[in-house]
Amino acid sequence: MREVPLTLPEIGMINSTRFILGVGAGLFLAGKLDNKARKAVGVALVAVGTLFSIPVGVAFLGKLRSTHSRAQLSEQRAA
């Protein structure tokens, strides 16, 4: 298993995007608001959550790749 060092703000961004997506999906399924308002808020939250997830995912993949390349480099130096 690979370890990827994440800072506290990065962990917070990952958790907040998951929360926003979850709330948006929950509003789609909930029946407490009228249909039009529920769909509008649900679509907005899912869209915002998805848009914020893209840069967080790109940053995470960048860290994952750099960590992986550093590990390969240190393995090559050791050999």
N, C-alpha and C. Protein backbone atom coordinates (compact mmCIF):
# COMPACT_ATOMS: atom_id res chain seq x y z
N MET A 1 0.85 -1.18 0.00
CA MET A 1 0.00 0.00 0.00
C MET A 1 0.90 1.24 0.00
N ARG A 2 0.52 2.21 -0.81
CA ARG A 2 1.27 3.46 -0.88
C ARG A 2 0.73 4.46 0.11
N GLU A 3 1.63 5.22 0.69
CA GLU A 3 1.22 6.31 1.56
C GLU A 3 1.40 7.62 0.81
N VAL A 4 0.37 8.43 0.83
CA VAL A 4 0.43 9.73 0.18
C VAL A 4 0.26 10.78 1.27
N PRO A 5 1.28 11.61 1.48
CA PRO A 5 1.16 12.63 2.53
C PRO A 5 0.17 13.73 2.11
N LEU A 6 -0.84 13.92 2.93
CA LEU A 6 -1.83 14.97 2.69
C LEU A 6 -1.81 15.94 3.86
N THR A 7 -1.95 17.20 3.53
CA THR A 7 -2.02 18.21 4.59
C THR A 7 -3.46 18.27 5.12
N LEU A 8 -3.62 18.91 6.25
CA LEU A 8 -4.95 19.04 6.84
C LEU A 8 -5.92 19.79 5.92
N PRO A 9 -5.52 20.89 5.27
CA PRO A 9 -6.44 21.55 4.35
C PRO A 9 -6.86 20.66 3.17
N GLU A 10 -5.94 19.82 2.69
CA GLU A 10 -6.30 18.91 1.60
C GLU A 10 -7.32 17.87 2.05
N ILE A 11 -7.14 17.35 3.23
CA ILE A 11 -8.11 16.41 3.78
C ILE A 11 -9.45 17.09 3.97
N GLY A 12 -9.43 18.34 4.43
CA GLY A 12 -10.67 19.10 4.60
C GLY A 12 -11.38 19.33 3.28
N MET A 13 -10.63 19.63 2.21
CA MET A 13 -11.25 19.82 0.89
C MET A 13 -11.87 18.53 0.39
N ILE A 14 -11.20 17.42 0.57
CA ILE A 14 -11.73 16.13 0.13
C ILE A 14 -13.03 15.84 0.88
N ASN A 15 -13.01 16.04 2.19
CA ASN A 15 -14.21 15.77 2.99
C ASN A 15 -15.35 16.72 2.66
N SER A 16 -15.04 18.01 2.43
CA SER A 16 -16.13 18.94 2.13
C SER A 16 -16.75 18.67 0.77
N THR A 17 -15.95 18.26 -0.22
CA THR A 17 -16.56 17.95 -1.52
C THR A 17 -17.44 16.71 -1.41
N ARG A 18 -17.01 15.75 -0.64
CA ARG A 18 -17.86 14.55 -0.44
C ARG A 18 -19.14 14.92 0.30
N PHE A 19 -19.04 15.83 1.26
CA PHE A 19 -20.22 16.28 2.00
C PHE A 19 -21.19 16.99 1.07
N ILE A 20 -20.67 17.91 0.24
CA ILE A 20 -21.53 18.66 -0.67
C ILE A 20 -22.23 17.72 -1.65
N LEU A 21 -21.48 16.77 -2.20
CA LEU A 21 -22.08 15.80 -3.12
C LEU A 21 -23.15 14.97 -2.41
N GLY A 22 -22.88 14.57 -1.18
CA GLY A 22 -23.84 13.79 -0.42
C GLY A 22 -25.12 14.55 -0.12
N VAL A 23 -24.98 15.80 0.26
CA VAL A 23 -26.16 16.63 0.54
C VAL A 23 -26.96 16.82 -0.74
N GLY A 24 -26.27 17.07 -1.86
CA GLY A 24 -26.96 17.24 -3.13
C GLY A 24 -27.72 15.98 -3.53
N ALA A 25 -27.08 14.83 -3.38
CA ALA A 25 -27.75 13.57 -3.70
C ALA A 25 -28.89 13.30 -2.74
N GLY A 26 -28.71 13.66 -1.47
CA GLY A 26 -29.78 13.48 -0.49
C GLY A 26 -31.00 14.32 -0.81
N LEU A 27 -30.77 15.52 -1.30
CA LEU A 27 -31.91 16.38 -1.66
C LEU A 27 -32.67 15.82 -2.86
N PHE A 28 -31.96 15.14 -3.75
CA PHE A 28 -32.65 14.50 -4.85
C PHE A 28 -33.62 13.44 -4.34
N LEU A 29 -33.21 12.75 -3.29
CA LEU A 29 -34.00 11.63 -2.78
C LEU A 29 -35.01 12.04 -1.70
N ALA A 30 -34.81 13.19 -1.08
CA ALA A 30 -35.69 13.62 0.01
C ALA A 30 -36.99 14.18 -0.53
N GLY A 31 -38.01 14.09 0.26
CA GLY A 31 -39.30 14.61 -0.16
C GLY A 31 -39.76 15.78 0.68
N LYS A 32 -38.87 16.43 1.40
CA LYS A 32 -39.28 17.49 2.32
C LYS A 32 -39.50 18.83 1.64
N LEU A 33 -38.82 19.10 0.52
CA LEU A 33 -39.03 20.34 -0.22
C LEU A 33 -39.98 20.06 -1.38
N ASP A 34 -40.56 21.15 -1.91
CA ASP A 34 -41.36 20.92 -3.11
C ASP A 34 -40.44 20.51 -4.25
N ASN A 35 -40.99 19.86 -5.23
CA ASN A 35 -40.22 19.21 -6.28
C ASN A 35 -39.28 20.16 -7.01
N LYS A 36 -39.76 21.33 -7.36
CA LYS A 36 -38.96 22.28 -8.14
C LYS A 36 -37.76 22.79 -7.34
N ALA A 37 -38.00 23.19 -6.10
CA ALA A 37 -36.92 23.71 -5.25
C ALA A 37 -35.91 22.61 -4.92
N ARG A 38 -36.39 21.42 -4.62
CA ARG A 38 -35.52 20.30 -4.28
C ARG A 38 -34.59 19.97 -5.45
N LYS A 39 -35.13 19.91 -6.64
CA LYS A 39 -34.30 19.60 -7.80
C LYS A 39 -33.29 20.71 -8.08
N ALA A 40 -33.70 21.95 -7.93
CA ALA A 40 -32.79 23.07 -8.20
C ALA A 40 -31.62 23.07 -7.22
N VAL A 41 -31.92 22.91 -5.94
CA VAL A 41 -30.85 22.90 -4.93
C VAL A 41 -29.99 21.65 -5.08
N GLY A 42 -30.61 20.53 -5.35
CA GLY A 42 -29.86 19.28 -5.54
C GLY A 42 -28.90 19.36 -6.71
N VAL A 43 -29.38 19.88 -7.84
CA VAL A 43 -28.52 20.02 -9.02
C VAL A 43 -27.38 20.99 -8.73
N ALA A 44 -27.67 22.09 -8.06
CA ALA A 44 -26.63 23.07 -7.75
C ALA A 44 -25.56 22.46 -6.84
N LEU A 45 -25.97 21.73 -5.80
CA LEU A 45 -25.00 21.14 -4.89
C LEU A 45 -24.17 20.04 -5.55
N VAL A 46 -24.80 19.23 -6.37
CA VAL A 46 -24.05 18.19 -7.08
C VAL A 46 -23.06 18.84 -8.05
N ALA A 47 -23.49 19.89 -8.74
CA ALA A 47 -22.60 20.57 -9.68
C ALA A 47 -21.41 21.21 -8.95
N VAL A 48 -21.68 21.89 -7.84
CA VAL A 48 -20.60 22.53 -7.08
C VAL A 48 -19.66 21.47 -6.51
N GLY A 49 -20.21 20.41 -5.97
CA GLY A 49 -19.38 19.34 -5.43
C GLY A 49 -18.51 18.71 -6.49
N THR A 50 -19.07 18.50 -7.67
CA THR A 50 -18.30 17.91 -8.77
C THR A 50 -17.22 18.87 -9.24
N LEU A 51 -17.56 20.13 -9.39
CA LEU A 51 -16.57 21.10 -9.85
C LEU A 51 -15.42 21.27 -8.87
N PHE A 52 -15.71 21.22 -7.57
CA PHE A 52 -14.65 21.32 -6.58
C PHE A 52 -13.84 20.04 -6.48
N SER A 53 -14.45 18.91 -6.83
CA SER A 53 -13.74 17.63 -6.76
C SER A 53 -12.66 17.51 -7.82
N ILE A 54 -12.84 18.17 -8.95
CA ILE A 54 -11.88 18.03 -10.04
C ILE A 54 -10.50 18.54 -9.64
N PRO A 55 -10.35 19.79 -9.15
CA PRO A 55 -8.99 20.22 -8.77
C PRO A 55 -8.42 19.44 -7.58
N VAL A 56 -9.28 19.02 -6.67
CA VAL A 56 -8.81 18.22 -5.53
C VAL A 56 -8.28 16.89 -6.04
N GLY A 57 -8.99 16.27 -6.97
CA GLY A 57 -8.54 15.00 -7.54
C GLY A 57 -7.25 15.14 -8.32
N VAL A 58 -7.13 16.21 -9.09
CA VAL A 58 -5.91 16.45 -9.85
C VAL A 58 -4.73 16.65 -8.90
N ALA A 59 -4.91 17.41 -7.85
CA ALA A 59 -3.83 17.63 -6.87
C ALA A 59 -3.44 16.31 -6.19
N PHE A 60 -4.44 15.50 -5.84
CA PHE A 60 -4.16 14.22 -5.19
C PHE A 60 -3.40 13.30 -6.13
N LEU A 61 -3.82 13.22 -7.40
CA LEU A 61 -3.13 12.37 -8.36
C LEU A 61 -1.71 12.86 -8.60
N GLY A 62 -1.52 14.18 -8.59
CA GLY A 62 -0.17 14.73 -8.74
C GLY A 62 0.72 14.32 -7.59
N LYS A 63 0.19 14.37 -6.38
CA LYS A 63 0.97 13.95 -5.21
C LYS A 63 1.24 12.45 -5.27
N LEU A 64 0.24 11.69 -5.70
CA LEU A 64 0.40 10.24 -5.80
C LEU A 64 1.50 9.90 -6.80
N ARG A 65 1.50 10.57 -7.93
CA ARG A 65 2.53 10.31 -8.95
C ARG A 65 3.90 10.74 -8.48
N SER A 66 3.99 11.91 -7.83
CA SER A 66 5.30 12.38 -7.38
C SER A 66 5.84 11.48 -6.27
N THR A 67 4.98 11.00 -5.40
CA THR A 67 5.41 10.08 -4.35
C THR A 67 5.88 8.77 -4.96
N HIS A 68 5.15 8.31 -5.98
CA HIS A 68 5.51 7.06 -6.65
C HIS A 68 6.84 7.22 -7.39
N SER A 69 7.04 8.35 -8.07
CA SER A 69 8.29 8.55 -8.81
C SER A 69 9.47 8.70 -7.85
N ARG A 70 9.26 9.33 -6.70
CA ARG A 70 10.34 9.44 -5.71
C ARG A 70 10.72 8.07 -5.17
N ALA A 71 9.73 7.22 -4.96
CA ALA A 71 10.01 5.86 -4.47
C ALA A 71 10.79 5.07 -5.50
N GLN A 72 10.43 5.22 -6.77
CA GLN A 72 11.17 4.52 -7.82
C GLN A 72 12.59 5.05 -7.90
N LEU A 73 12.76 6.35 -7.77
CA LEU A 73 14.09 6.95 -7.84
C LEU A 73 14.97 6.44 -6.71
N SER A 74 14.42 6.37 -5.51
CA SER A 74 15.22 5.89 -4.37
C SER A 74 15.52 4.41 -4.51
N GLU A 75 14.63 3.63 -5.12
CA GLU A 75 14.90 2.22 -5.37
C GLU A 75 16.02 2.06 -6.39
N GLN A 76 16.03 2.91 -7.41
CA GLN A 76 17.07 2.84 -8.42
C GLN A 76 18.43 3.21 -7.83
N ARG A 77 18.43 4.19 -6.95
CA ARG A 77 19.70 4.61 -6.31
C ARG A 77 20.23 3.51 -5.40
N ALA A 78 19.32 2.79 -4.74
CA ALA A 78 19.74 1.73 -3.82
C ALA A 78 20.29 0.52 -4.58
N ALA A 79 19.83 0.32 -5.80
CA ALA A 79 20.27 -0.86 -6.58
C ALA A 79 21.63 -0.72 -7.18
